[in-house]
C-alpha atoms as a PDB file:
ATOM      1  CA  UNK A   1     -28.536 -97.727 -59.174  1.00  0.00           C
ATOM      2  CA  UNK A   2     -28.503-101.479 -58.667  1.00  0.00           C
ATOM      3  CA  UNK A   3     -31.687-103.431 -59.233  1.00  0.00           C
ATOM      4  CA  UNK A   4     -32.109-107.143 -58.652  1.00  0.00           C
ATOM      5  CA  UNK A   5     -35.044-109.148 -59.959  1.00  0.00           C
ATOM      6  CA  UNK A   6     -35.761-112.744 -58.978  1.00  0.00           C
ATOM      7  CA  UNK A   7     -37.813-115.184 -60.992  1.00  0.00           C
ATOM      8  CA  UNK A   8     -38.576-118.891 -61.033  1.00  0.00           C
ATOM      9  CA  UNK A   9     -40.400-119.423 -57.768  1.00  0.00           C
ATOM     10  CA  UNK A  10     -43.507-121.553 -57.552  1.00  0.00           C
ATOM     11  CA  UNK A  11     -45.208-124.623 -56.153  1.00  0.00           C
ATOM     12  CA  UNK A  12     -43.433-127.949 -56.226  1.00  0.00           C
ATOM     13  CA  UNK A  13     -44.048-131.346 -54.680  1.00  0.00           C
ATOM     14  CA  UNK A  14     -41.687-132.738 -52.042  1.00  0.00           C
ATOM     15  CA  UNK A  15     -38.653-134.141 -53.776  1.00  0.00           C
ATOM     16  CA  UNK A  16     -39.106-131.803 -56.710  1.00  0.00           C
ATOM     17  CA  UNK A  17     -36.850-129.144 -58.196  1.00  0.00           C
ATOM     18  CA  UNK A  18     -36.933-125.460 -59.047  1.00  0.00           C
ATOM     19  CA  UNK A  19     -34.489-123.004 -60.517  1.00  0.00           C
ATOM     20  CA  UNK A  20     -34.422-119.437 -59.267  1.00  0.00           C
ATOM     21  CA  UNK A  21     -32.812-116.636 -61.235  1.00  0.00           C
ATOM     22  CA  UNK A  22     -31.615-113.213 -60.147  1.00  0.00           C
ATOM     23  CA  UNK A  23     -31.002-110.696 -62.893  1.00  0.00           C
ATOM     24  CA  UNK A  24     -28.994-107.606 -62.048  1.00  0.00           C
ATOM     25  CA  UNK A  25     -29.055-104.216 -63.692  1.00  0.00           C
ATOM     26  CA  UNK A  26     -26.081-102.219 -62.535  1.00  0.00           C
ATOM     27  CA  UNK A  27     -23.446-103.221 -60.033  1.00  0.00           C
ATOM     28  CA  UNK A  28     -22.011-101.461 -57.009  1.00  0.00           C
ATOM     29  CA  UNK A  29     -18.401-100.363 -57.401  1.00  0.00           C
ATOM     30  CA  UNK A  30     -17.230-102.603 -54.569  1.00  0.00           C
ATOM     31  CA  UNK A  31     -19.482-105.530 -55.449  1.00  0.00           C
ATOM     32  CA  UNK A  32     -17.869-108.837 -54.522  1.00  0.00           C
ATOM     33  CA  UNK A  33     -20.458-111.605 -54.228  1.00  0.00           C
ATOM     34  CA  UNK A  34     -24.061-112.599 -54.739  1.00  0.00           C
ATOM     35  CA  UNK A  35     -26.054-114.541 -52.199  1.00  0.00           C
ATOM     36  CA  UNK A  36     -29.428-116.126 -51.656  1.00  0.00           C
ATOM     37  CA  UNK A  37     -31.396-115.869 -48.440  1.00  0.00           C
ATOM     38  CA  UNK A  38     -34.766-117.319 -47.529  1.00  0.00           C
ATOM     39  CA  UNK A  39     -37.407-116.477 -44.992  1.00  0.00           C
ATOM     40  CA  UNK A  40     -40.228-118.755 -43.921  1.00  0.00           C
ATOM     41  CA  UNK A  41     -43.370-117.321 -42.281  1.00  0.00           C
ATOM     42  CA  UNK A  42     -42.670-116.412 -38.666  1.00  0.00           C
ATOM     43  CA  UNK A  43     -38.971-117.186 -39.037  1.00  0.00           C
ATOM     44  CA  UNK A  44     -35.824-115.103 -39.260  1.00  0.00           C
ATOM     45  CA  UNK A  45     -34.231-114.616 -42.642  1.00  0.00           C
ATOM     46  CA  UNK A  46     -31.654-117.351 -43.241  1.00  0.00           C
ATOM     47  CA  UNK A  47     -28.522-117.389 -45.381  1.00  0.00           C
ATOM     48  CA  UNK A  48     -28.691-120.102 -48.039  1.00  0.00           C
ATOM     49  CA  UNK A  49     -25.752-119.764 -50.417  1.00  0.00           C
ATOM     50  CA  UNK A  50     -23.231-117.343 -51.847  1.00  0.00           C
ATOM     51  CA  UNK A  51     -20.939-117.151 -54.861  1.00  0.00           C
ATOM     52  CA  UNK A  52     -17.938-114.875 -55.097  1.00  0.00           C
ATOM     53  CA  UNK A  53     -18.079-113.062 -58.376  1.00  0.00           C
ATOM     54  CA  UNK A  54     -14.455-113.011 -59.462  1.00  0.00           C
ATOM     55  CA  UNK A  55     -13.390-116.525 -58.476  1.00  0.00           C
ATOM     56  CA  UNK A  56     -16.756-118.233 -58.417  1.00  0.00           C
ATOM     57  CA  UNK A  57     -16.245-119.775 -54.993  1.00  0.00           C
ATOM     58  CA  UNK A  58     -19.447-121.104 -53.469  1.00  0.00           C
ATOM     59  CA  UNK A  59     -20.616-121.561 -49.900  1.00  0.00           C
ATOM     60  CA  UNK A  60     -23.812-123.128 -48.563  1.00  0.00           C
ATOM     61  CA  UNK A  61     -25.681-123.485 -45.324  1.00  0.00           C
ATOM     62  CA  UNK A  62     -25.390-127.081 -44.171  1.00  0.00           C
ATOM     63  CA  UNK A  63     -29.086-127.828 -44.621  1.00  0.00           C
ATOM     64  CA  UNK A  64     -28.926-127.327 -48.389  1.00  0.00           C
ATOM     65  CA  UNK A  65     -25.488-128.720 -49.212  1.00  0.00           C
ATOM     66  CA  UNK A  66     -25.644-131.375 -51.932  1.00  0.00           C
ATOM     67  CA  UNK A  67     -29.207-130.302 -52.799  1.00  0.00           C
ATOM     68  CA  UNK A  68     -28.878-126.680 -53.917  1.00  0.00           C
ATOM     69  CA  UNK A  69     -26.407-125.223 -56.390  1.00  0.00           C
ATOM     70  CA  UNK A  70     -25.566-121.552 -56.828  1.00  0.00           C
ATOM     71  CA  UNK A  71     -24.062-120.418 -60.113  1.00  0.00           C
ATOM     72  CA  UNK A  72     -23.625-117.380 -62.329  1.00  0.00           C
ATOM     73  CA  UNK A  73     -23.910-116.998 -66.067  1.00  0.00           C
ATOM     74  CA  UNK A  74     -20.803-116.403 -68.184  1.00  0.00           C
ATOM     75  CA  UNK A  75     -21.672-112.744 -68.604  1.00  0.00           C
ATOM     76  CA  UNK A  76     -21.905-112.463 -64.820  1.00  0.00           C
ATOM     77  CA  UNK A  77     -25.143-110.514 -64.924  1.00  0.00           C
ATOM     78  CA  UNK A  78     -27.383-113.246 -63.595  1.00  0.00           C
ATOM     79  CA  UNK A  79     -27.059-115.698 -60.754  1.00  0.00           C
ATOM     80  CA  UNK A  80     -29.030-118.867 -60.294  1.00  0.00           C
ATOM     81  CA  UNK A  81     -30.031-121.115 -57.452  1.00  0.00           C
ATOM     82  CA  UNK A  82     -30.910-124.646 -58.466  1.00  0.00           C
ATOM     83  CA  UNK A  83     -33.011-126.366 -55.821  1.00  0.00           C
ATOM     84  CA  UNK A  84     -33.266-130.162 -55.817  1.00  0.00           C
ATOM     85  CA  UNK A  85     -34.873-132.679 -53.463  1.00  0.00           C
ATOM     86  CA  UNK A  86     -37.066-130.015 -51.900  1.00  0.00           C
ATOM     87  CA  UNK A  87     -38.491-130.804 -48.484  1.00  0.00           C
ATOM     88  CA  UNK A  88     -41.218-129.239 -46.311  1.00  0.00           C
ATOM     89  CA  UNK A  89     -38.392-127.373 -44.522  1.00  0.00           C
ATOM     90  CA  UNK A  90     -37.412-125.459 -47.671  1.00  0.00           C
ATOM     91  CA  UNK A  91     -40.433-123.203 -48.397  1.00  0.00           C
ATOM     92  CA  UNK A  92     -40.179-119.458 -48.007  1.00  0.00           C
ATOM     93  CA  UNK A  93     -39.445-116.255 -49.816  1.00  0.00           C
ATOM     94  CA  UNK A  94     -36.080-116.580 -51.500  1.00  0.00           C
ATOM     95  CA  UNK A  95     -34.235-113.312 -52.063  1.00  0.00           C
ATOM     96  CA  UNK A  96     -31.012-112.560 -53.852  1.00  0.00           C
ATOM     97  CA  UNK A  97     -28.670-109.932 -52.486  1.00  0.00           C
ATOM     98  CA  UNK A  98     -25.527-108.213 -53.676  1.00  0.00           C
ATOM     99  CA  UNK A  99     -22.623-108.010 -51.280  1.00  0.00           C
ATOM    100  CA  UNK A 100     -20.028-105.283 -51.103  1.00  0.00           C
ATOM    101  CA  UNK A 101     -17.407-105.961 -48.462  1.00  0.00           C
ATOM    102  CA  UNK A 102     -19.293-107.381 -45.512  1.00  0.00           C
ATOM    103  CA  UNK A 103     -22.626-105.705 -46.230  1.00  0.00           C
ATOM    104  CA  UNK A 104     -25.587-106.543 -48.399  1.00  0.00           C
ATOM    105  CA  UNK A 105     -26.653-103.239 -49.847  1.00  0.00           C
ATOM    106  CA  UNK A 106     -29.056-104.373 -52.557  1.00  0.00           C
ATOM    107  CA  UNK A 107     -31.851-106.913 -52.421  1.00  0.00           C
ATOM    108  CA  UNK A 108     -34.376-108.309 -54.826  1.00  0.00           C
ATOM    109  CA  UNK A 109     -38.078-108.381 -54.078  1.00  0.00           C
ATOM    110  CA  UNK A 110     -38.114-112.128 -53.406  1.00  0.00           C
ATOM    111  CA  UNK A 111     -39.570-115.212 -55.032  1.00  0.00           C
ATOM    112  CA  UNK A 112     -41.992-117.524 -53.248  1.00  0.00           C
ATOM    113  CA  UNK A 113     -41.119-121.199 -53.049  1.00  0.00           C
ATOM    114  CA  UNK A 114     -43.866-123.521 -51.849  1.00  0.00           C
ATOM    115  CA  UNK A 115     -43.378-127.235 -51.253  1.00  0.00           C
ATOM    116  CA  UNK A 116     -46.596-129.186 -50.964  1.00  0.00           C
ATOM    117  CA  UNK A 117     -48.158-132.421 -52.158  1.00  0.00           C
END
């Protein structure tokens, strides 16, 4: 059974930074990548970033390129999303998800990110 647990959300001023973590217990047999998604109130869930687990390749949605960084620890049990230069367009519930093939089978419970002065 795969369980994902996010941490690190909170309130930050515009221009500020946060680091989100996603700790995994267990991995699916065909696990290939970890991703972050976010969902603002009244909006659809949006892909933010992904990292392939074996090669460490990263991909980002255009709106966060050069501001957010996705990474994994050397033991490959935890992934991180570093958020810099946060804007009023960035708030939402940020969730990590484990990908196997083309599907996301496991999700964390989400971490709230609020950007406000």
